[in-house]
Amino acid sequence: MLIGYARTSTLEQEAGFEAQLRELEGLGCDKVFKEQVSSVAKREQLEAALDYVREGDTLVVTKLDRLARSTRHLGEIMEGLKAKGANLKLLDASGIDTGTAMGGMVITVIGAIAQFEREMMLERQKEGIAKAKAEGKYKGRKATARAKRDEVLAKKAEGMGATAIAQEIGIGRASVYRILAAG
């Protein structure tokens, strides 16, 4: 049985998400697990897919970076699949399948290269941010809760509690308390 897994980091990546789903369905995946969450967040659908896979099944992903955060994480996934008698198939690498020794080795090497590439990108990003800060061009993320200060104070004046304010405005309760403490 072919089990698909599709993931994007954000809801804004709709075109990429739809492309993954088309590829997996086009390959004939019997079941597709899908989610739109960051790779560092808890990925419930990935866990569900790994639990669902049985002996003889193949977990299919379109790209390695949609599956694993690091070479170590990839190794853990591959070991878990191997223990169940299942395989991993990677579509963007000419359909490499861990059902063969060569396929397992190639996916591990590709995983190491992907991890290296990500670490290099993060390093360049940090350098760019440091340079922008030094030049006074980088201000950081706009404070969303502080921008809603007047709204929070108005709701409090109406007699609403902090939890209700947070839920209605769409900010964290701690942010509401900080705004109220600052006055």
C-alpha atoms as a PDB file:
ATOM      1  CA  MET A   1       0.000   0.000   0.000  1.00  0.00           C
ATOM      2  CA  LEU A   2       1.270   3.502  -0.815  1.00  0.00           C
ATOM      3  CA  ILE A   3       0.843   6.023   2.012  1.00  0.00           C
ATOM      4  CA  GLY A   4       1.408   9.682   1.090  1.00  0.00           C
ATOM      5  CA  TYR A   5       2.540  12.540   3.310  1.00  0.00           C
ATOM      6  CA  ALA A   6       2.290  16.185   2.229  1.00  0.00           C
ATOM      7  CA  ARG A   7       3.340  19.221   4.263  1.00  0.00           C
ATOM      8  CA  THR A   8       3.954  22.921   3.890  1.00  0.00           C
ATOM      9  CA  SER A   9       5.160  25.242   6.631  1.00  0.00           C
ATOM     10  CA  THR A  10       2.460  27.863   6.202  1.00  0.00           C
ATOM     11  CA  LEU A  11      -1.075  28.189   4.923  1.00  0.00           C
ATOM     12  CA  GLU A  12       0.195  30.711   2.343  1.00  0.00           C
ATOM     13  CA  GLN A  13       2.066  27.944   0.494  1.00  0.00           C
ATOM     14  CA  GLU A  14      -1.165  26.704  -1.060  1.00  0.00           C
ATOM     15  CA  ALA A  15       0.198  26.131  -4.592  1.00  0.00           C
ATOM     16  CA  GLY A  16       3.051  23.964  -3.294  1.00  0.00           C
ATOM     17  CA  PHE A  17       0.684  22.056  -1.055  1.00  0.00           C
ATOM     18  CA  GLU A  18      -1.742  21.365  -3.909  1.00  0.00           C
ATOM     19  CA  ALA A  19       1.154  20.268  -6.150  1.00  0.00           C
ATOM     20  CA  GLN A  20       2.269  17.730  -3.533  1.00  0.00           C
ATOM     21  CA  LEU A  21      -1.260  16.367  -3.219  1.00  0.00           C
ATOM     22  CA  ARG A  22      -1.590  16.042  -7.022  1.00  0.00           C
ATOM     23  CA  GLU A  23       1.720  14.146  -7.241  1.00  0.00           C
ATOM     24  CA  LEU A  24       0.817  11.769  -4.428  1.00  0.00           C
ATOM     25  CA  GLU A  25      -2.660  11.090  -5.772  1.00  0.00           C
ATOM     26  CA  GLY A  26      -1.261  10.740  -9.309  1.00  0.00           C
ATOM     27  CA  LEU A  27       1.153   8.086  -8.070  1.00  0.00           C
ATOM     28  CA  GLY A  28      -1.793   6.172  -6.669  1.00  0.00           C
ATOM     29  CA  CYS A  29      -1.367   6.663  -2.933  1.00  0.00           C
ATOM     30  CA  ASP A  30      -4.165   4.826  -1.153  1.00  0.00           C
ATOM     31  CA  LYS A  31      -4.169   7.258   1.775  1.00  0.00           C
ATOM     32  CA  VAL A  32      -2.614  10.721   2.066  1.00  0.00           C
ATOM     33  CA  PHE A  33      -1.814  12.421   5.366  1.00  0.00           C
ATOM     34  CA  LYS A  34      -1.534  16.187   5.020  1.00  0.00           C
ATOM     35  CA  GLU A  35      -0.785  19.175   7.206  1.00  0.00           C
ATOM     36  CA  GLN A  36       0.345  22.757   7.029  1.00  0.00           C
ATOM     37  CA  VAL A  37       2.665  23.300   9.985  1.00  0.00           C
ATOM     38  CA  SER A  38       6.298  24.228  10.509  1.00  0.00           C
ATOM     39  CA  SER A  39       8.756  21.346  10.562  1.00  0.00           C
ATOM     40  CA  VAL A  40       9.751  22.283  14.102  1.00  0.00           C
ATOM     41  CA  ALA A  41       6.161  22.153  15.386  1.00  0.00           C
ATOM     42  CA  LYS A  42       4.422  18.984  16.522  1.00  0.00           C
ATOM     43  CA  ARG A  43       3.397  17.253  13.304  1.00  0.00           C
ATOM     44  CA  GLU A  44       0.408  15.151  14.239  1.00  0.00           C
ATOM     45  CA  GLN A  45      -0.296  13.986  10.678  1.00  0.00           C
ATOM     46  CA  LEU A  46       3.288  12.759  10.229  1.00  0.00           C
ATOM     47  CA  GLU A  47       2.973  10.809  13.463  1.00  0.00           C
ATOM     48  CA  ALA A  48      -0.379   9.448  12.281  1.00  0.00           C
ATOM     49  CA  ALA A  49       1.139   8.405   8.938  1.00  0.00           C
ATOM     50  CA  LEU A  50       4.047   6.641  10.651  1.00  0.00           C
ATOM     51  CA  ASP A  51       1.609   4.856  12.982  1.00  0.00           C
ATOM     52  CA  TYR A  52      -0.644   3.890  10.059  1.00  0.00           C
ATOM     53  CA  VAL A  53       2.125   2.311   7.941  1.00  0.00           C
ATOM     54  CA  ARG A  54       2.200  -1.496   8.067  1.00  0.00           C
ATOM     55  CA  GLU A  55       4.529  -4.212   6.811  1.00  0.00           C
ATOM     56  CA  GLY A  56       4.942  -4.029   3.043  1.00  0.00           C
ATOM     57  CA  ASP A  57       3.691  -0.418   2.852  1.00  0.00           C
ATOM     58  CA  THR A  58       5.662   2.463   1.384  1.00  0.00           C
ATOM     59  CA  LEU A  59       5.547   5.991   2.794  1.00  0.00           C
ATOM     60  CA  VAL A  60       5.782   8.421  -0.130  1.00  0.00           C
ATOM     61  CA  VAL A  61       6.862  12.073   0.057  1.00  0.00           C
ATOM     62  CA  THR A  62       7.442  14.461  -2.821  1.00  0.00           C
ATOM     63  CA  LYS A  63      10.511  16.124  -1.294  1.00  0.00           C
ATOM     64  CA  LEU A  64      12.761  15.171   1.581  1.00  0.00           C
ATOM     65  CA  ASP A  65      12.485  18.576   3.260  1.00  0.00           C
ATOM     66  CA  ARG A  66       8.727  18.005   3.604  1.00  0.00           C
ATOM     67  CA  LEU A  67       9.470  14.971   5.806  1.00  0.00           C
ATOM     68  CA  ALA A  68      12.557  15.357   7.994  1.00  0.00           C
ATOM     69  CA  ARG A  69      14.147  18.281   9.858  1.00  0.00           C
ATOM     70  CA  SER A  70      17.639  16.799   9.937  1.00  0.00           C
ATOM     71  CA  THR A  71      19.697  13.779   8.997  1.00  0.00           C
ATOM     72  CA  ARG A  72      19.132  12.430  12.498  1.00  0.00           C
ATOM     73  CA  HIS A  73      15.356  12.865  12.214  1.00  0.00           C
ATOM     74  CA  LEU A  74      15.410  11.207   8.796  1.00  0.00           C
ATOM     75  CA  GLY A  75      17.367   8.301  10.282  1.00  0.00           C
ATOM     76  CA  GLU A  76      14.800   7.900  13.052  1.00  0.00           C
ATOM     77  CA  ILE A  77      11.960   7.847  10.528  1.00  0.00           C
ATOM     78  CA  MET A  78      13.787   5.338   8.319  1.00  0.00           C
ATOM     79  CA  GLU A  79      14.567   3.081  11.296  1.00  0.00           C
ATOM     80  CA  GLY A  80      10.937   3.186  12.416  1.00  0.00           C
ATOM     81  CA  LEU A  81       9.762   2.255   8.927  1.00  0.00           C
ATOM     82  CA  LYS A  82      12.371  -0.508   8.644  1.00  0.00           C
ATOM     83  CA  ALA A  83      11.280  -1.961  12.007  1.00  0.00           C
ATOM     84  CA  LYS A  84       7.733  -2.182  10.640  1.00  0.00           C
ATOM     85  CA  GLY A  85       8.916  -3.755   7.382  1.00  0.00           C
ATOM     86  CA  ALA A  86       7.933  -0.640   5.426  1.00  0.00           C
ATOM     87  CA  ASN A  87       9.845   1.572   2.990  1.00  0.00           C
ATOM     88  CA  LEU A  88      10.249   5.250   2.191  1.00  0.00           C
ATOM     89  CA  LYS A  89       9.966   6.579  -1.356  1.00  0.00           C
ATOM     90  CA  LEU A  90      11.189  10.025  -2.339  1.00  0.00           C
ATOM     91  CA  LEU A  91       9.650  11.367  -5.556  1.00  0.00           C
ATOM     92  CA  ASP A  92      11.978  14.324  -6.207  1.00  0.00           C
ATOM     93  CA  ALA A  93      15.040  12.058  -6.243  1.00  0.00           C
ATOM     94  CA  SER A  94      13.985   9.900  -9.191  1.00  0.00           C
ATOM     95  CA  GLY A  95      11.682   7.864  -6.977  1.00  0.00           C
ATOM     96  CA  ILE A  96      14.461   6.485  -4.762  1.00  0.00           C
ATOM     97  CA  ASP A  97      13.095   3.801  -2.455  1.00  0.00           C
ATOM     98  CA  THR A  98      14.645   2.580   0.804  1.00  0.00           C
ATOM     99  CA  GLY A  99      13.583  -0.930  -0.138  1.00  0.00           C
ATOM    100  CA  THR A 100      17.085  -1.349  -1.574  1.00  0.00           C
ATOM    101  CA  ALA A 101      20.456  -0.886   0.121  1.00  0.00           C
ATOM    102  CA  MET A 102      21.479   1.664  -2.512  1.00  0.00           C
ATOM    103  CA  GLY A 103      18.218   3.581  -2.051  1.00  0.00           C
ATOM    104  CA  GLY A 104      18.692   3.756   1.719  1.00  0.00           C
ATOM    105  CA  MET A 105      22.241   5.040   1.350  1.00  0.00           C
ATOM    106  CA  VAL A 106      21.293   7.615  -1.287  1.00  0.00           C
ATOM    107  CA  ILE A 107      18.414   9.002   0.798  1.00  0.00           C
ATOM    108  CA  THR A 108      20.736   9.328   3.807  1.00  0.00           C
ATOM    109  CA  VAL A 109      23.283  11.247   1.712  1.00  0.00           C
ATOM    110  CA  ILE A 110      20.564  13.480   0.252  1.00  0.00           C
ATOM    111  CA  GLY A 111      19.288  14.104   3.792  1.00  0.00           C
ATOM    112  CA  ALA A 112      22.767  15.166   4.938  1.00  0.00           C
ATOM    113  CA  ILE A 113      23.093  17.543   1.985  1.00  0.00           C
ATOM    114  CA  ALA A 114      19.634  19.021   2.653  1.00  0.00           C
ATOM    115  CA  GLN A 115      20.506  19.579   6.319  1.00  0.00           C
ATOM    116  CA  PHE A 116      23.807  21.249   5.323  1.00  0.00           C
ATOM    117  CA  GLU A 117      21.960  23.471   2.828  1.00  0.00           C
ATOM    118  CA  ARG A 118      19.427  24.544   5.487  1.00  0.00           C
ATOM    119  CA  GLU A 119      22.144  25.315   8.028  1.00  0.00           C
ATOM    120  CA  MET A 120      24.014  27.403   5.448  1.00  0.00           C
ATOM    121  CA  MET A 121      20.823  29.318   4.604  1.00  0.00           C
ATOM    122  CA  LEU A 122      20.186  30.041   8.307  1.00  0.00           C
ATOM    123  CA  GLU A 123      23.787  31.200   8.704  1.00  0.00           C
ATOM    124  CA  ARG A 124      23.435  33.605   5.750  1.00  0.00           C
ATOM    125  CA  GLN A 125      20.135  34.827   7.162  1.00  0.00           C
ATOM    126  CA  LYS A 126      21.743  35.600  10.542  1.00  0.00           C
ATOM    127  CA  GLU A 127      24.590  37.453   8.813  1.00  0.00           C
ATOM    128  CA  GLY A 128      22.109  39.484   6.783  1.00  0.00           C
ATOM    129  CA  ILE A 129      20.062  40.388   9.842  1.00  0.00           C
ATOM    130  CA  ALA A 130      23.200  41.415  11.770  1.00  0.00           C
ATOM    131  CA  LYS A 131      24.301  43.620   8.847  1.00  0.00           C
ATOM    132  CA  ALA A 132      20.843  45.193   8.529  1.00  0.00           C
ATOM    133  CA  LYS A 133      20.739  45.876  12.281  1.00  0.00           C
ATOM    134  CA  ALA A 134      24.187  47.489  12.156  1.00  0.00           C
ATOM    135  CA  GLU A 135      22.974  49.747   9.331  1.00  0.00           C
ATOM    136  CA  GLY A 136      19.771  50.566  11.236  1.00  0.00           C
ATOM    137  CA  LYS A 137      17.584  48.973   8.554  1.00  0.00           C
ATOM    138  CA  TYR A 138      16.289  46.008  10.558  1.00  0.00           C
ATOM    139  CA  LYS A 139      13.586  46.691  13.063  1.00  0.00           C
ATOM    140  CA  GLY A 140      12.401  43.127  13.679  1.00  0.00           C
ATOM    141  CA  ARG A 141       8.884  41.802  13.537  1.00  0.00           C
ATOM    142  CA  LYS A 142       6.156  44.370  14.105  1.00  0.00           C
ATOM    143  CA  ALA A 143       4.640  43.983  17.571  1.00  0.00           C
ATOM    144  CA  THR A 144       1.111  42.784  16.895  1.00  0.00           C
ATOM    145  CA  ALA A 145      -0.211  42.841  20.451  1.00  0.00           C
ATOM    146  CA  ARG A 146       1.022  46.369  21.190  1.00  0.00           C
ATOM    147  CA  ALA A 147      -0.698  47.561  18.027  1.00  0.00           C
ATOM    148  CA  LYS A 148      -3.980  46.457  19.616  1.00  0.00           C
ATOM    149  CA  ARG A 149      -3.384  48.368  22.883  1.00  0.00           C
ATOM    150  CA  ASP A 150      -6.308  50.755  22.472  1.00  0.00           C
ATOM    151  CA  GLU A 151      -8.660  47.895  21.640  1.00  0.00           C
ATOM    152  CA  VAL A 152      -7.537  45.950  24.742  1.00  0.00           C
ATOM    153  CA  LEU A 153      -8.008  48.965  26.999  1.00  0.00           C
ATOM    154  CA  ALA A 154     -11.459  49.650  25.527  1.00  0.00           C
ATOM    155  CA  LYS A 155     -12.570  46.040  26.104  1.00  0.00           C
ATOM    156  CA  LYS A 156     -11.284  46.187  29.692  1.00  0.00           C
ATOM    157  CA  ALA A 157     -13.201  49.435  30.237  1.00  0.00           C
ATOM    158  CA  GLU A 158     -16.322  47.597  29.028  1.00  0.00           C
ATOM    159  CA  GLY A 159     -15.759  45.107  31.833  1.00  0.00           C
ATOM    160  CA  MET A 160     -14.335  42.178  29.875  1.00  0.00           C
ATOM    161  CA  GLY A 161     -11.828  39.854  31.520  1.00  0.00           C
ATOM    162  CA  ALA A 162      -8.319  39.229  30.173  1.00  0.00           C
ATOM    163  CA  THR A 163      -9.103  35.764  28.783  1.00  0.00           C
ATOM    164  CA  ALA A 164     -12.191  36.998  26.936  1.00  0.00           C
ATOM    165  CA  ILE A 165     -10.266  39.987  25.560  1.00  0.00           C
ATOM    166  CA  ALA A 166      -7.441  37.747  24.340  1.00  0.00           C
ATOM    167  CA  GLN A 167      -9.860  35.395  22.589  1.00  0.00           C
ATOM    168  CA  GLU A 168     -11.897  38.157  20.973  1.00  0.00           C
ATOM    169  CA  ILE A 169      -8.933  40.191  19.733  1.00  0.00           C
ATOM    170  CA  GLY A 170      -6.796  37.199  18.816  1.00  0.00           C
ATOM    171  CA  ILE A 171      -3.727  37.791  20.983  1.00  0.00           C
ATOM    172  CA  GLY A 172      -2.218  35.917  23.908  1.00  0.00           C
ATOM    173  CA  ARG A 173      -3.566  36.370  27.419  1.00  0.00           C
ATOM    174  CA  ALA A 174      -0.075  37.294  28.638  1.00  0.00           C
ATOM    175  CA  SER A 175      -0.013  40.107  26.079  1.00  0.00           C
ATOM    176  CA  VAL A 176      -3.319  41.406  27.443  1.00  0.00           C
ATOM    177  CA  TYR A 177      -1.884  41.419  30.984  1.00  0.00           C
ATOM    178  CA  ARG A 178       1.247  43.279  29.803  1.00  0.00           C
ATOM    179  CA  ILE A 179      -0.863  45.924  28.060  1.00  0.00           C
ATOM    180  CA  LEU A 180      -3.118  46.331  31.116  1.00  0.00           C
ATOM    181  CA  ALA A 181      -0.127  46.576  33.469  1.00  0.00           C
ATOM    182  CA  ALA A 182       1.455  49.280  31.300  1.00  0.00           C
ATOM    183  CA  GLY A 183      -1.868  51.135  31.264  1.00  0.00           C
END
